[in-house]
């Protein structure tokens, strides 16, 4: 199964649609606006909330709680000097790849669960999630949202610190 995320460039509330390979909307994502902690809610096509991704407060490195009807896990960012490193607790899945260029994968052992790639020459950010098993689609989407939120937060912090110097 393939999912596509095309975030709107000027989306104040960070809301966007997730489409499948047939260009049909399969999920809606709504991000909180001026809310602490940051929270994303994922809805099905009938506008029923089916998952949440929420930042955990008072952490040195970013932590996001991910809850779906069948899973509850945490994405933790680890401190490293050169490359971004994330850990998923509450599952046997692993994240690996180049997070800064948005080319990474979720694996279990040697088996790929999801491959994510970013399309660079588009208006706004556009991502393709290639998911091996349809039943993993919602959880994979939540993981991508959490990783993207961490990266957006760090790039916003870097931009504000460089503009103040």
N, C-alpha and C. Protein backbone atom coordinates (compact mmCIF):
# COMPACT_ATOMS: atom_id res chain seq x y z
N UNK A 1 0.85 -1.18 0.00
CA UNK A 1 0.00 0.00 0.00
C UNK A 1 0.89 1.23 0.00
N UNK A 2 0.49 2.21 -0.77
CA UNK A 2 1.22 3.48 -0.78
C UNK A 2 0.31 4.58 -0.26
N UNK A 3 0.89 5.43 0.58
CA UNK A 3 0.20 6.62 1.06
C UNK A 3 1.01 7.83 0.65
N UNK A 4 0.30 8.92 0.38
CA UNK A 4 0.95 10.17 -0.02
C UNK A 4 0.48 11.30 0.87
N UNK A 5 1.45 12.06 1.35
CA UNK A 5 1.16 13.22 2.19
C UNK A 5 1.65 14.44 1.44
N UNK A 6 0.77 15.37 1.21
CA UNK A 6 1.12 16.63 0.57
C UNK A 6 0.71 17.72 1.55
N UNK A 7 1.68 18.21 2.32
CA UNK A 7 1.36 19.24 3.29
C UNK A 7 1.21 20.58 2.59
N UNK A 8 0.22 21.32 3.02
CA UNK A 8 -0.01 22.65 2.45
C UNK A 8 1.06 23.59 2.96
N UNK A 9 1.54 24.43 2.08
CA UNK A 9 2.64 25.32 2.42
C UNK A 9 2.23 26.33 3.49
N UNK A 10 1.03 26.87 3.41
CA UNK A 10 0.63 27.91 4.34
C UNK A 10 -0.47 27.43 5.28
N UNK A 11 -0.35 26.23 5.76
CA UNK A 11 -1.36 25.64 6.62
C UNK A 11 -1.09 26.02 8.08
N UNK A 12 -1.82 26.98 8.60
CA UNK A 12 -1.58 27.47 9.95
C UNK A 12 -1.84 26.39 10.99
N UNK A 13 -2.91 25.66 10.85
CA UNK A 13 -3.23 24.63 11.82
C UNK A 13 -2.56 23.30 11.56
N UNK A 14 -1.70 23.24 10.54
CA UNK A 14 -1.00 22.01 10.18
C UNK A 14 -1.98 20.88 9.90
N UNK A 15 -3.01 21.16 9.14
CA UNK A 15 -3.97 20.13 8.75
C UNK A 15 -3.69 19.71 7.31
N UNK A 16 -3.82 18.42 7.05
CA UNK A 16 -3.57 17.93 5.70
C UNK A 16 -4.28 16.60 5.50
N UNK A 17 -4.36 16.22 4.24
CA UNK A 17 -4.99 14.97 3.85
C UNK A 17 -3.92 13.94 3.51
N UNK A 18 -4.26 12.69 3.69
CA UNK A 18 -3.40 11.58 3.29
C UNK A 18 -4.17 10.79 2.25
N UNK A 19 -3.52 10.57 1.11
CA UNK A 19 -4.18 9.89 -0.01
C UNK A 19 -3.49 8.57 -0.31
N UNK A 20 -4.22 7.68 -0.95
CA UNK A 20 -3.64 6.40 -1.38
C UNK A 20 -3.15 6.52 -2.82
N UNK A 21 -2.70 5.40 -3.39
CA UNK A 21 -2.15 5.42 -4.75
C UNK A 21 -3.20 5.69 -5.82
N UNK A 22 -4.47 5.66 -5.45
CA UNK A 22 -5.56 5.96 -6.39
C UNK A 22 -6.06 7.39 -6.22
N UNK A 23 -5.30 8.18 -5.46
CA UNK A 23 -5.61 9.59 -5.17
C UNK A 23 -6.89 9.76 -4.35
N UNK A 24 -7.25 8.73 -3.60
CA UNK A 24 -8.42 8.81 -2.72
C UNK A 24 -7.96 9.21 -1.32
N UNK A 25 -8.73 10.07 -0.67
CA UNK A 25 -8.41 10.46 0.70
C UNK A 25 -8.69 9.27 1.61
N UNK A 26 -7.69 8.90 2.43
CA UNK A 26 -7.88 7.79 3.37
C UNK A 26 -7.79 8.26 4.81
N UNK A 27 -7.09 9.36 5.07
CA UNK A 27 -6.98 9.93 6.42
C UNK A 27 -6.94 11.46 6.33
N UNK A 28 -7.40 12.07 7.41
CA UNK A 28 -7.23 13.51 7.61
C UNK A 28 -6.38 13.68 8.87
N UNK A 29 -5.46 14.63 8.83
CA UNK A 29 -4.60 14.91 9.99
C UNK A 29 -4.80 16.36 10.38
N UNK A 30 -5.05 16.58 11.66
CA UNK A 30 -5.20 17.94 12.18
C UNK A 30 -4.20 18.15 13.31
N UNK A 31 -3.35 19.14 13.12
CA UNK A 31 -2.38 19.49 14.14
C UNK A 31 -2.91 20.61 15.01
N UNK A 32 -2.50 20.61 16.25
CA UNK A 32 -2.94 21.66 17.17
C UNK A 32 -2.26 22.97 16.82
N UNK A 33 -2.93 24.05 17.06
CA UNK A 33 -2.42 25.38 16.79
C UNK A 33 -2.26 26.10 18.12
N UNK A 34 -1.05 26.51 18.45
CA UNK A 34 -0.74 27.18 19.72
C UNK A 34 -1.16 26.34 20.92
N UNK A 35 -0.95 25.06 20.87
CA UNK A 35 -1.28 24.17 21.99
C UNK A 35 0.00 23.55 22.51
N UNK A 36 0.12 23.51 23.82
CA UNK A 36 1.26 22.85 24.46
C UNK A 36 0.68 21.79 25.38
N UNK A 37 1.03 20.54 25.18
CA UNK A 37 1.97 19.98 24.22
C UNK A 37 1.35 19.89 22.83
N UNK A 38 2.22 19.82 21.82
CA UNK A 38 1.80 19.71 20.43
C UNK A 38 1.08 18.37 20.24
N UNK A 39 -0.04 18.41 19.51
CA UNK A 39 -0.83 17.19 19.32
C UNK A 39 -1.35 17.13 17.88
N UNK A 40 -1.30 15.94 17.30
CA UNK A 40 -1.88 15.67 16.00
C UNK A 40 -2.97 14.62 16.18
N UNK A 41 -4.10 14.84 15.54
CA UNK A 41 -5.20 13.88 15.58
C UNK A 41 -5.42 13.36 14.16
N UNK A 42 -5.57 12.06 14.05
CA UNK A 42 -5.77 11.43 12.75
C UNK A 42 -7.21 10.94 12.69
N UNK A 43 -7.89 11.26 11.58
CA UNK A 43 -9.30 10.92 11.39
C UNK A 43 -9.46 10.03 10.16
N UNK A 44 -10.46 9.16 10.21
CA UNK A 44 -10.79 8.37 9.03
C UNK A 44 -11.66 9.21 8.09
N UNK A 45 -12.12 8.62 7.01
CA UNK A 45 -12.89 9.38 6.02
C UNK A 45 -14.28 9.76 6.52
N UNK A 46 -14.73 9.15 7.62
CA UNK A 46 -16.01 9.52 8.24
C UNK A 46 -15.84 10.54 9.35
N UNK A 47 -14.62 11.11 9.46
CA UNK A 47 -14.29 12.12 10.47
C UNK A 47 -14.30 11.57 11.90
N UNK A 48 -14.05 10.27 12.06
CA UNK A 48 -13.90 9.66 13.38
C UNK A 48 -12.42 9.69 13.75
N UNK A 49 -12.12 10.17 14.96
CA UNK A 49 -10.72 10.19 15.41
C UNK A 49 -10.27 8.74 15.63
N UNK A 50 -9.15 8.38 15.00
CA UNK A 50 -8.68 7.00 15.10
C UNK A 50 -7.27 6.88 15.66
N UNK A 51 -6.56 8.01 15.81
CA UNK A 51 -5.20 7.94 16.36
C UNK A 51 -4.77 9.33 16.81
N UNK A 52 -3.79 9.36 17.72
CA UNK A 52 -3.20 10.63 18.16
C UNK A 52 -1.68 10.49 18.23
N UNK A 53 -1.02 11.61 18.00
CA UNK A 53 0.42 11.73 18.15
C UNK A 53 0.63 12.99 18.99
N UNK A 54 1.20 12.82 20.19
CA UNK A 54 1.29 13.95 21.12
C UNK A 54 2.68 14.06 21.73
N UNK A 55 3.19 15.28 21.73
CA UNK A 55 4.49 15.57 22.31
C UNK A 55 4.43 15.41 23.83
N UNK A 56 5.48 14.84 24.40
CA UNK A 56 5.57 14.74 25.85
C UNK A 56 6.40 15.91 26.37
N UNK A 57 5.89 16.56 27.38
CA UNK A 57 6.56 17.73 27.94
C UNK A 57 7.71 17.34 28.87
N UNK A 58 8.56 18.31 29.14
CA UNK A 58 9.65 18.20 30.12
C UNK A 58 10.63 17.08 29.80
N UNK A 59 11.01 17.00 28.55
CA UNK A 59 12.01 16.03 28.10
C UNK A 59 13.16 16.79 27.48
N UNK A 60 14.38 16.35 27.74
CA UNK A 60 15.54 16.99 27.14
C UNK A 60 15.53 16.80 25.63
N UNK A 61 15.26 15.60 25.18
CA UNK A 61 15.13 15.30 23.75
C UNK A 61 13.65 15.00 23.48
N UNK A 62 13.23 15.19 22.25
CA UNK A 62 11.81 15.03 21.89
C UNK A 62 11.32 13.60 22.10
N UNK A 63 10.11 13.52 22.66
CA UNK A 63 9.39 12.26 22.83
C UNK A 63 7.96 12.49 22.34
N UNK A 64 7.43 11.56 21.57
CA UNK A 64 6.05 11.64 21.12
C UNK A 64 5.33 10.34 21.45
N UNK A 65 4.16 10.47 22.08
CA UNK A 65 3.30 9.33 22.35
C UNK A 65 2.42 9.10 21.14
N UNK A 66 2.35 7.86 20.70
CA UNK A 66 1.55 7.48 19.55
C UNK A 66 0.52 6.47 20.01
N UNK A 67 -0.76 6.78 19.75
CA UNK A 67 -1.84 5.89 20.16
C UNK A 67 -2.77 5.63 18.98
N UNK A 68 -2.97 4.35 18.69
CA UNK A 68 -3.96 3.91 17.71
C UNK A 68 -4.89 2.95 18.43
N UNK A 69 -5.95 2.49 17.80
CA UNK A 69 -6.83 1.53 18.48
C UNK A 69 -6.12 0.24 18.89
N UNK A 70 -5.03 -0.13 18.22
CA UNK A 70 -4.36 -1.40 18.52
C UNK A 70 -2.96 -1.24 19.10
N UNK A 71 -2.39 -0.05 19.05
CA UNK A 71 -1.00 0.14 19.48
C UNK A 71 -0.84 1.40 20.33
N UNK A 72 0.14 1.33 21.21
CA UNK A 72 0.55 2.48 22.01
C UNK A 72 2.06 2.42 22.13
N UNK A 73 2.74 3.40 21.56
CA UNK A 73 4.20 3.39 21.62
C UNK A 73 4.73 4.81 21.73
N UNK A 74 6.03 4.91 21.92
CA UNK A 74 6.68 6.21 22.07
C UNK A 74 7.84 6.31 21.09
N UNK A 75 7.90 7.45 20.41
CA UNK A 75 9.05 7.77 19.57
C UNK A 75 9.96 8.65 20.40
N UNK A 76 11.21 8.22 20.57
CA UNK A 76 12.18 8.98 21.37
C UNK A 76 13.34 9.39 20.48
N UNK A 77 13.70 10.66 20.57
CA UNK A 77 14.88 11.14 19.87
C UNK A 77 16.06 10.99 20.82
N UNK A 78 17.20 10.52 20.29
CA UNK A 78 18.40 10.36 21.10
C UNK A 78 19.43 11.40 20.69
N UNK A 79 20.23 11.82 21.66
CA UNK A 79 21.28 12.79 21.40
C UNK A 79 22.46 12.11 20.71
N UNK A 80 22.85 12.65 19.56
CA UNK A 80 24.05 12.22 18.85
C UNK A 80 24.67 13.47 18.23
N UNK A 81 25.96 13.39 17.92
CA UNK A 81 26.63 14.55 17.36
C UNK A 81 26.45 14.69 15.85
N UNK A 82 26.32 13.58 15.13
CA UNK A 82 26.37 13.68 13.69
C UNK A 82 25.07 13.33 12.97
N UNK A 83 24.39 12.29 13.39
CA UNK A 83 23.19 11.84 12.70
C UNK A 83 22.02 11.81 13.68
N UNK A 84 20.83 12.01 13.15
CA UNK A 84 19.63 11.88 13.95
C UNK A 84 19.41 10.41 14.28
N UNK A 85 18.98 10.14 15.52
CA UNK A 85 18.69 8.77 15.92
C UNK A 85 17.38 8.77 16.70
N UNK A 86 16.50 7.84 16.33
CA UNK A 86 15.20 7.70 16.97
C UNK A 86 15.02 6.26 17.43
N UNK A 87 14.25 6.10 18.49
CA UNK A 87 13.92 4.78 19.02
C UNK A 87 12.41 4.69 19.16
N UNK A 88 11.87 3.54 18.83
CA UNK A 88 10.45 3.25 19.05
C UNK A 88 10.34 2.30 20.22
N UNK A 89 9.71 2.74 21.31
CA UNK A 89 9.49 1.84 22.44
C UNK A 89 8.04 1.37 22.42
N UNK A 90 7.84 0.13 22.81
CA UNK A 90 6.50 -0.45 22.79
C UNK A 90 6.26 -1.29 21.56
N UNK A 91 7.31 -1.51 20.75
CA UNK A 91 7.21 -2.32 19.55
C UNK A 91 8.59 -2.89 19.22
N UNK A 92 8.62 -3.91 18.40
CA UNK A 92 9.91 -4.48 17.96
C UNK A 92 10.40 -3.83 16.67
N UNK A 93 9.69 -2.82 16.19
CA UNK A 93 10.09 -2.11 14.98
C UNK A 93 11.28 -1.20 15.25
N UNK A 94 12.11 -1.01 14.23
CA UNK A 94 13.27 -0.12 14.30
C UNK A 94 13.18 0.92 13.19
N UNK A 95 13.68 2.11 13.48
CA UNK A 95 13.78 3.19 12.50
C UNK A 95 15.22 3.32 12.07
N UNK A 96 15.46 3.40 10.77
CA UNK A 96 16.83 3.62 10.30
C UNK A 96 16.80 4.36 8.98
N UNK A 97 17.88 5.08 8.70
CA UNK A 97 18.00 5.80 7.44
C UNK A 97 18.45 7.22 7.65
N UNK A 98 18.25 8.04 6.66
CA UNK A 98 18.66 9.44 6.69
C UNK A 98 17.43 10.30 6.95
N UNK A 99 17.28 10.70 8.19
CA UNK A 99 16.08 11.45 8.59
C UNK A 99 16.09 12.87 8.05
N UNK A 100 17.26 13.48 7.95
CA UNK A 100 17.34 14.85 7.47
C UNK A 100 16.93 14.97 6.00
N UNK A 101 17.20 13.96 5.21
CA UNK A 101 16.77 14.00 3.80
C UNK A 101 15.43 13.30 3.61
N UNK A 102 14.82 12.88 4.70
CA UNK A 102 13.50 12.23 4.68
C UNK A 102 13.50 10.98 3.81
N UNK A 103 14.53 10.18 3.97
CA UNK A 103 14.61 8.87 3.33
C UNK A 103 14.95 7.86 4.41
N UNK A 104 13.95 7.23 4.96
CA UNK A 104 14.20 6.27 6.02
C UNK A 104 13.18 5.14 5.95
N UNK A 105 13.39 4.16 6.80
CA UNK A 105 12.51 3.01 6.79
C UNK A 105 12.23 2.52 8.21
N UNK A 106 11.14 1.80 8.32
CA UNK A 106 10.79 1.09 9.54
C UNK A 106 10.97 -0.38 9.20
N UNK A 107 11.72 -1.09 10.06
CA UNK A 107 11.97 -2.51 9.81
C UNK A 107 11.66 -3.31 11.07
N UNK A 108 11.46 -4.59 10.89
CA UNK A 108 11.34 -5.55 11.98
C UNK A 108 12.25 -6.71 11.62
N UNK A 109 13.39 -6.80 12.33
CA UNK A 109 14.42 -7.76 11.93
C UNK A 109 15.00 -7.30 10.60
N UNK A 110 14.92 -8.14 9.59
CA UNK A 110 15.36 -7.77 8.24
C UNK A 110 14.18 -7.42 7.33
N UNK A 111 12.97 -7.52 7.87
CA UNK A 111 11.76 -7.31 7.07
C UNK A 111 11.36 -5.84 7.05
N UNK A 112 11.25 -5.23 5.86
CA UNK A 112 10.80 -3.83 5.80
C UNK A 112 9.30 -3.73 6.11
N UNK A 113 8.96 -2.77 6.94
CA UNK A 113 7.56 -2.48 7.26
C UNK A 113 7.10 -1.32 6.39
N UNK A 114 7.95 -0.26 6.32
CA UNK A 114 7.61 0.94 5.57
C UNK A 114 8.88 1.61 5.06
N UNK A 115 8.81 2.13 3.85
CA UNK A 115 9.87 2.98 3.31
C UNK A 115 9.27 4.36 3.09
N UNK A 116 9.98 5.40 3.52
CA UNK A 116 9.50 6.76 3.33
C UNK A 116 10.49 7.51 2.45
N UNK A 117 9.97 8.24 1.49
CA UNK A 117 10.83 9.10 0.68
C UNK A 117 10.14 10.44 0.50
N UNK A 118 10.96 11.48 0.44
CA UNK A 118 10.44 12.83 0.25
C UNK A 118 10.62 13.23 -1.20
N UNK A 119 9.61 13.88 -1.74
CA UNK A 119 9.68 14.43 -3.08
C UNK A 119 10.07 15.89 -2.95
N UNK A 120 11.25 16.23 -3.44
CA UNK A 120 11.85 17.55 -3.18
C UNK A 120 11.33 18.66 -4.07
N UNK A 121 11.03 18.40 -5.31
CA UNK A 121 10.70 19.48 -6.22
C UNK A 121 9.20 19.63 -6.39
N UNK A 122 8.54 19.82 -5.26
CA UNK A 122 7.09 20.02 -5.26
C UNK A 122 6.79 21.25 -4.43
N UNK A 123 5.60 21.79 -4.60
CA UNK A 123 5.16 22.95 -3.82
C UNK A 123 4.74 22.45 -2.44
N UNK A 124 5.55 22.73 -1.43
CA UNK A 124 5.31 22.18 -0.10
C UNK A 124 5.98 20.83 0.04
N UNK A 125 5.90 20.26 1.20
CA UNK A 125 6.50 18.95 1.42
C UNK A 125 5.57 17.87 0.91
N UNK A 126 6.14 16.91 0.23
CA UNK A 126 5.37 15.79 -0.29
C UNK A 126 6.12 14.50 0.04
N UNK A 127 5.42 13.54 0.66
CA UNK A 127 6.05 12.30 1.09
C UNK A 127 5.32 11.11 0.51
N UNK A 128 6.08 10.05 0.24
CA UNK A 128 5.50 8.78 -0.19
C UNK A 128 5.85 7.73 0.85
N UNK A 129 4.84 7.08 1.38
CA UNK A 129 5.02 5.98 2.32
C UNK A 129 4.68 4.70 1.58
N UNK A 130 5.64 3.81 1.46
CA UNK A 130 5.43 2.51 0.83
C UNK A 130 5.36 1.49 1.95
N UNK A 131 4.16 0.99 2.23
CA UNK A 131 3.89 0.15 3.39
C UNK A 131 3.61 -1.27 2.91
N UNK A 132 4.34 -2.23 3.47
CA UNK A 132 4.23 -3.63 3.03
C UNK A 132 2.86 -4.22 3.31
N UNK A 133 2.32 -3.99 4.51
CA UNK A 133 1.05 -4.61 4.92
C UNK A 133 0.05 -3.52 5.26
N UNK A 134 -1.12 -3.56 4.64
CA UNK A 134 -2.14 -2.53 4.84
C UNK A 134 -2.50 -2.33 6.31
N UNK A 135 -2.44 -3.38 7.12
CA UNK A 135 -2.82 -3.26 8.53
C UNK A 135 -1.86 -2.38 9.32
N UNK A 136 -0.66 -2.13 8.78
CA UNK A 136 0.32 -1.28 9.45
C UNK A 136 0.25 0.18 9.03
N UNK A 137 -0.65 0.51 8.11
CA UNK A 137 -0.68 1.85 7.51
C UNK A 137 -0.88 2.96 8.55
N UNK A 138 -1.84 2.81 9.44
CA UNK A 138 -2.12 3.87 10.41
C UNK A 138 -0.94 4.11 11.34
N UNK A 139 -0.36 3.05 11.86
CA UNK A 139 0.78 3.21 12.77
C UNK A 139 1.98 3.81 12.04
N UNK A 140 2.23 3.39 10.82
CA UNK A 140 3.33 3.96 10.03
C UNK A 140 3.11 5.45 9.79
N UNK A 141 1.88 5.83 9.47
CA UNK A 141 1.56 7.24 9.28
C UNK A 141 1.85 8.04 10.55
N UNK A 142 1.46 7.51 11.69
CA UNK A 142 1.71 8.19 12.97
C UNK A 142 3.20 8.36 13.23
N UNK A 143 3.99 7.37 12.92
CA UNK A 143 5.45 7.46 13.11
C UNK A 143 6.03 8.56 12.23
N UNK A 144 5.59 8.61 10.97
CA UNK A 144 6.07 9.65 10.06
C UNK A 144 5.70 11.04 10.57
N UNK A 145 4.49 11.21 11.08
CA UNK A 145 4.05 12.50 11.62
C UNK A 145 4.93 12.89 12.80
N UNK A 146 5.22 11.95 13.70
CA UNK A 146 6.06 12.24 14.86
C UNK A 146 7.48 12.63 14.45
N UNK A 147 8.09 11.87 13.54
CA UNK A 147 9.44 12.20 13.09
C UNK A 147 9.45 13.56 12.42
N UNK A 148 8.48 13.84 11.57
CA UNK A 148 8.41 15.12 10.89
C UNK A 148 8.23 16.27 11.88
N UNK A 149 7.45 16.06 12.94
CA UNK A 149 7.26 17.10 13.96
C UNK A 149 8.57 17.40 14.68
N UNK A 150 9.36 16.37 14.98
CA UNK A 150 10.66 16.58 15.63
C UNK A 150 11.59 17.37 14.70
N UNK A 151 11.64 16.98 13.44
CA UNK A 151 12.51 17.66 12.48
C UNK A 151 12.06 19.11 12.25
N UNK A 152 10.76 19.34 12.18
CA UNK A 152 10.24 20.70 11.99
C UNK A 152 10.55 21.57 13.20
N UNK A 153 10.42 20.99 14.38
CA UNK A 153 10.71 21.74 15.61
C UNK A 153 12.19 22.12 15.67
N UNK A 154 13.07 21.21 15.30
CA UNK A 154 14.50 21.52 15.36
C UNK A 154 14.91 22.50 14.27
N UNK A 155 14.28 22.42 13.08
CA UNK A 155 14.64 23.38 12.03
C UNK A 155 14.07 24.76 12.35
N UNK A 156 12.92 24.83 13.02
CA UNK A 156 12.37 26.12 13.45
C UNK A 156 13.25 26.74 14.51
N UNK A 157 13.78 25.90 15.42
CA UNK A 157 14.69 26.39 16.45
C UNK A 157 15.99 26.87 15.86
N UNK A 158 16.50 26.18 14.86
CA UNK A 158 17.75 26.58 14.21
C UNK A 158 17.56 27.87 13.44
N UNK A 159 16.39 28.03 12.80
CA UNK A 159 16.11 29.25 12.05
C UNK A 159 15.98 30.45 12.97
N UNK A 160 15.31 30.26 14.12
CA UNK A 160 15.15 31.39 15.03
C UNK A 160 16.46 31.76 15.72
N UNK A 161 17.32 30.77 15.99
CA UNK A 161 18.60 31.09 16.62
C UNK A 161 19.54 31.76 15.64
N UNK A 162 19.47 31.38 14.34
CA UNK A 162 20.36 32.01 13.36
C UNK A 162 19.87 33.41 13.00
N UNK A 163 18.57 33.66 13.09
CA UNK A 163 18.07 35.00 12.77
C UNK A 163 18.29 35.98 13.91
N UNK A 164 18.52 35.46 15.11
CA UNK A 164 18.75 36.35 16.25
C UNK A 164 20.21 36.71 16.40
N UNK A 165 21.12 36.02 15.65
CA UNK A 165 22.53 36.35 15.78
C UNK A 165 23.00 37.34 14.75
